Amino acid sequence: MKKAVAAILIAASAQWASADGLKSLENFMKTAHSGRADFTQIVTAPPKDGQAQRPKQSSGSFAFQRPGRFKFVYQKPFEQTIVADGQTLWLYDVDLNQVTQRAQAQALGSTPAALLASAPDMAALRADYALEAAPEQDGLQWVQATPKARDGQLKSVRVGFEGDKLAALDILDSFGQRSQIRFTGMQLNPALPAGSFQFKPPAGADLLKP
């Protein structure tokens, strides 16, 4: 009997912890209209010829303003900027002095954090993703988001929260590549400078429009 009661309590605790992830996501969508943070990203490619690939780590800063605007500034190991201004997605590679310009609506699926930065509300998220609570891990509450469209580049996204603050993204794409992003110093609804999400190609940069 004691074991049965313990099992029930453990199961109830797990369900409660999982439910907190969906609650955190809902609160985030309702209250977090903008934000900024530093981030670290670890990308792991699928095994090649049976051999595990060495993870690649990068870091930088991140900002968003919902709906439809976000900015990643990669500082290490290579400088790169990704900006979504609401209409266009820009990718600037500093070393190559090359800018790639895409229509934002067509390119969002391959962009980290587009899931949360672009959706205006929870209903919009549910229209595009199946959302499930996931067990608590690493001190964070998690939500599993699976795209309803089967032809996109994203296979699944796990979203981690610390309270109502976005703390992590764990992204698996259709090629088996995994991107783990951890945010630190997240500030919600800060006063972002005007023009934070505007981008103008630098003079002399090659402009690609695939």
Protein backbone atom coordinates (compact mmCIF):
# COMPACT_ATOMS: atom_id res chain seq x y z
CA MET A 1 0.00 0.00 0.00
CA LYS A 2 2.79 2.43 0.92
CA LYS A 3 4.51 1.72 -2.40
CA ALA A 4 1.27 2.32 -4.27
CA VAL A 5 0.68 5.62 -2.48
CA ALA A 6 4.28 6.66 -3.15
CA ALA A 7 3.90 5.83 -6.83
CA ILE A 8 0.73 7.91 -7.05
CA LEU A 9 2.44 10.85 -5.32
CA ILE A 10 5.45 10.63 -7.63
CA ALA A 11 3.20 10.52 -10.70
CA ALA A 12 1.15 13.45 -9.42
CA SER A 13 4.32 15.42 -8.71
CA ALA A 14 5.61 14.76 -12.23
CA GLN A 15 2.31 15.89 -13.74
CA TRP A 16 2.34 19.02 -11.59
CA ALA A 17 5.92 19.84 -12.61
CA SER A 18 5.06 19.26 -16.26
CA ALA A 19 1.97 21.42 -16.04
CA ASP A 20 4.15 24.28 -14.79
CA GLY A 21 5.96 24.29 -18.14
CA LEU A 22 2.77 25.01 -20.09
CA LYS A 23 1.74 27.57 -17.49
CA SER A 24 5.14 29.28 -17.79
CA LEU A 25 4.82 29.32 -21.57
CA GLU A 26 1.33 30.79 -21.40
CA ASN A 27 2.45 33.49 -18.94
CA PHE A 28 5.46 34.25 -21.14
CA MET A 29 3.27 34.68 -24.21
CA LYS A 30 0.87 36.94 -22.30
CA THR A 31 3.39 39.17 -20.53
CA ALA A 32 6.74 39.09 -22.35
CA HIS A 33 6.37 41.51 -25.24
CA SER A 34 10.12 42.01 -25.59
CA GLY A 35 13.33 40.81 -24.03
CA ARG A 36 17.09 40.56 -24.24
CA ALA A 37 19.73 38.18 -22.93
CA ASP A 38 23.14 36.67 -23.55
CA PHE A 39 23.25 33.16 -24.96
CA THR A 40 25.48 30.16 -25.47
CA GLN A 41 24.68 27.74 -28.30
CA ILE A 42 26.00 24.20 -28.75
CA VAL A 43 25.34 22.54 -32.12
CA THR A 44 25.81 18.78 -32.47
CA ALA A 45 25.66 17.21 -35.92
CA PRO A 46 24.42 13.63 -36.36
CA PRO A 47 27.07 10.86 -36.41
CA LYS A 48 29.00 10.56 -39.67
CA ASP A 49 30.26 7.18 -40.83
CA GLY A 50 29.41 5.85 -37.38
CA GLN A 51 31.57 8.46 -35.67
CA ALA A 52 30.21 11.08 -33.26
CA GLN A 53 30.73 14.66 -34.41
CA ARG A 54 32.48 17.22 -32.23
CA PRO A 55 29.98 19.81 -30.89
CA LYS A 56 30.44 23.40 -32.00
CA GLN A 57 29.93 26.16 -29.44
CA SER A 58 29.14 29.82 -30.04
CA SER A 59 27.95 32.74 -27.93
CA GLY A 60 26.52 36.21 -28.23
CA SER A 61 23.47 38.32 -27.45
CA PHE A 62 19.78 37.97 -28.24
CA ALA A 63 16.81 40.35 -28.29
CA PHE A 64 13.19 40.04 -29.39
CA GLN A 65 10.04 42.09 -29.72
CA ARG A 66 6.85 40.22 -30.45
CA PRO A 67 5.39 39.76 -32.91
CA GLY A 68 7.92 39.14 -35.59
CA ARG A 69 11.14 40.84 -34.52
CA PHE A 70 14.29 39.31 -33.11
CA LYS A 71 18.05 39.60 -33.34
CA PHE A 72 20.93 37.22 -32.69
CA VAL A 73 24.44 38.71 -32.58
CA TYR A 74 27.03 35.92 -32.58
CA GLN A 75 30.35 37.16 -31.21
CA LYS A 76 32.39 33.96 -30.73
CA PRO A 77 33.97 32.12 -32.43
CA PHE A 78 32.84 33.97 -35.58
CA GLU A 79 30.91 37.21 -35.91
CA GLN A 80 27.48 36.80 -37.44
CA THR A 81 24.20 38.66 -37.15
CA ILE A 82 20.67 37.35 -37.74
CA VAL A 83 17.89 39.96 -37.78
CA ALA A 84 14.17 39.57 -38.38
CA ASP A 85 12.51 42.96 -38.86
CA GLY A 86 8.94 41.73 -39.34
CA GLN A 87 9.18 41.41 -43.11
CA THR A 88 12.69 40.29 -43.96
CA LEU A 89 15.18 37.90 -42.41
CA TRP A 90 18.77 39.11 -42.72
CA LEU A 91 21.89 37.03 -42.13
CA TYR A 92 25.21 38.89 -42.10
CA ASP A 93 28.48 36.94 -42.07
CA VAL A 94 31.22 39.37 -41.09
CA ASP A 95 34.19 37.23 -42.20
CA LEU A 96 32.70 36.64 -45.64
CA ASN A 97 31.32 40.20 -45.81
CA GLN A 98 28.15 38.58 -47.11
CA VAL A 99 24.47 39.32 -46.46
CA THR A 100 21.68 36.86 -47.17
CA GLN A 101 18.17 38.33 -47.51
CA ARG A 102 15.02 36.18 -47.33
CA ALA A 103 11.31 36.78 -46.96
CA GLN A 104 10.74 36.30 -43.24
CA ALA A 105 7.53 34.29 -43.59
CA GLN A 106 9.32 31.65 -45.67
CA ALA A 107 12.49 31.44 -43.57
CA LEU A 108 11.31 31.39 -39.96
CA GLY A 109 11.21 27.61 -39.62
CA SER A 110 15.00 27.34 -39.71
CA THR A 111 15.67 30.14 -37.25
CA PRO A 112 16.24 29.56 -33.52
CA ALA A 113 13.72 31.29 -31.24
CA ALA A 114 11.41 32.21 -34.11
CA LEU A 115 8.90 29.96 -32.38
CA LEU A 116 8.46 32.34 -29.43
CA ALA A 117 9.62 35.65 -30.83
CA SER A 118 7.26 35.63 -33.78
CA ALA A 119 4.00 34.17 -32.47
CA PRO A 120 1.68 36.91 -31.17
CA ASP A 121 -0.09 34.68 -28.64
CA MET A 122 -0.66 31.15 -27.37
CA ALA A 123 -3.43 30.52 -29.91
CA ALA A 124 -1.04 31.26 -32.76
CA LEU A 125 1.48 28.84 -31.27
CA ARG A 126 -1.11 26.08 -31.00
CA ALA A 127 -2.13 26.65 -34.61
CA ASP A 128 1.36 25.72 -35.80
CA TYR A 129 2.66 23.45 -33.02
CA ALA A 130 1.43 20.57 -30.89
CA LEU A 131 2.36 21.61 -27.35
CA GLU A 132 2.97 19.11 -24.57
CA ALA A 133 4.26 19.51 -21.04
CA ALA A 134 7.60 17.78 -20.47
CA PRO A 135 9.20 16.66 -17.19
CA GLU A 136 11.27 19.13 -15.19
CA GLN A 137 14.98 18.88 -15.98
CA ASP A 138 18.08 20.85 -14.96
CA GLY A 139 15.90 22.95 -12.66
CA LEU A 140 13.77 24.16 -15.58
CA GLN A 141 10.15 23.60 -16.63
CA TRP A 142 9.92 22.32 -20.20
CA VAL A 143 7.43 22.28 -23.05
CA GLN A 144 7.73 20.04 -26.11
CA ALA A 145 6.66 21.81 -29.30
CA THR A 146 6.23 19.69 -32.43
CA PRO A 147 5.49 21.44 -35.74
CA LYS A 148 2.20 20.37 -37.31
CA ALA A 149 3.61 20.91 -40.79
CA ARG A 150 5.66 17.86 -41.76
CA ASP A 151 7.65 19.51 -44.55
CA GLY A 152 9.59 22.05 -42.47
CA GLN A 153 13.19 21.98 -41.28
CA LEU A 154 12.28 21.75 -37.60
CA LYS A 155 11.49 18.31 -36.21
CA SER A 156 10.89 19.37 -32.61
CA VAL A 157 11.68 22.11 -30.11
CA ARG A 158 11.91 21.86 -26.33
CA VAL A 159 11.44 25.18 -24.55
CA GLY A 160 12.77 25.61 -21.01
CA PHE A 161 11.61 28.20 -18.50
CA GLU A 162 12.93 29.43 -15.19
CA GLY A 163 9.74 30.79 -13.69
CA ASP A 164 8.24 32.88 -16.49
CA LYS A 165 11.61 33.67 -18.06
CA LEU A 166 12.77 31.94 -21.22
CA ALA A 167 15.91 30.02 -20.22
CA ALA A 168 16.63 27.43 -22.91
CA LEU A 169 15.81 26.06 -26.34
CA ASP A 170 16.64 22.54 -27.45
CA ILE A 171 16.08 22.26 -31.20
CA LEU A 172 16.19 19.13 -33.35
CA ASP A 173 16.02 19.63 -37.11
CA SER A 174 14.96 17.21 -39.81
CA PHE A 175 18.60 16.38 -40.61
CA GLY A 176 19.28 15.14 -37.08
CA GLN A 177 21.25 18.22 -36.04
CA ARG A 178 20.66 19.38 -32.47
CA SER A 179 21.04 22.98 -31.25
CA GLN A 180 21.01 23.70 -27.53
CA ILE A 181 20.69 27.36 -26.57
CA ARG A 182 20.98 28.60 -22.99
CA PHE A 183 20.01 32.17 -22.12
CA THR A 184 21.51 34.10 -19.21
CA GLY A 185 20.59 37.47 -17.74
CA MET A 186 17.19 37.45 -19.45
CA GLN A 187 15.44 40.82 -19.08
CA LEU A 188 11.75 40.94 -19.95
CA ASN A 189 10.08 44.04 -21.41
CA PRO A 190 13.19 46.26 -21.32
CA ALA A 191 13.31 49.63 -23.05
CA LEU A 192 14.97 48.59 -26.31
CA PRO A 193 16.66 51.28 -28.42
CA ALA A 194 14.79 52.50 -31.48
CA GLY A 195 15.92 50.68 -34.56
CA SER A 196 17.04 47.58 -32.64
CA PHE A 197 15.62 45.32 -35.32
CA GLN A 198 16.49 47.34 -38.40
CA PHE A 199 19.30 46.14 -40.62
CA LYS A 200 21.11 47.82 -43.49
CA PRO A 201 23.68 45.82 -45.48
CA PRO A 202 27.15 47.26 -44.96
CA ALA A 203 28.70 49.06 -47.92
CA GLY A 204 30.61 46.64 -50.12
CA ALA A 205 28.98 43.49 -48.74
CA ASP A 206 27.78 40.87 -51.20
CA LEU A 207 23.97 40.62 -51.12
CA LEU A 208 22.38 37.23 -51.81
CA LYS A 209 18.68 36.67 -52.36
CA PRO A 210 18.18 32.90 -52.63
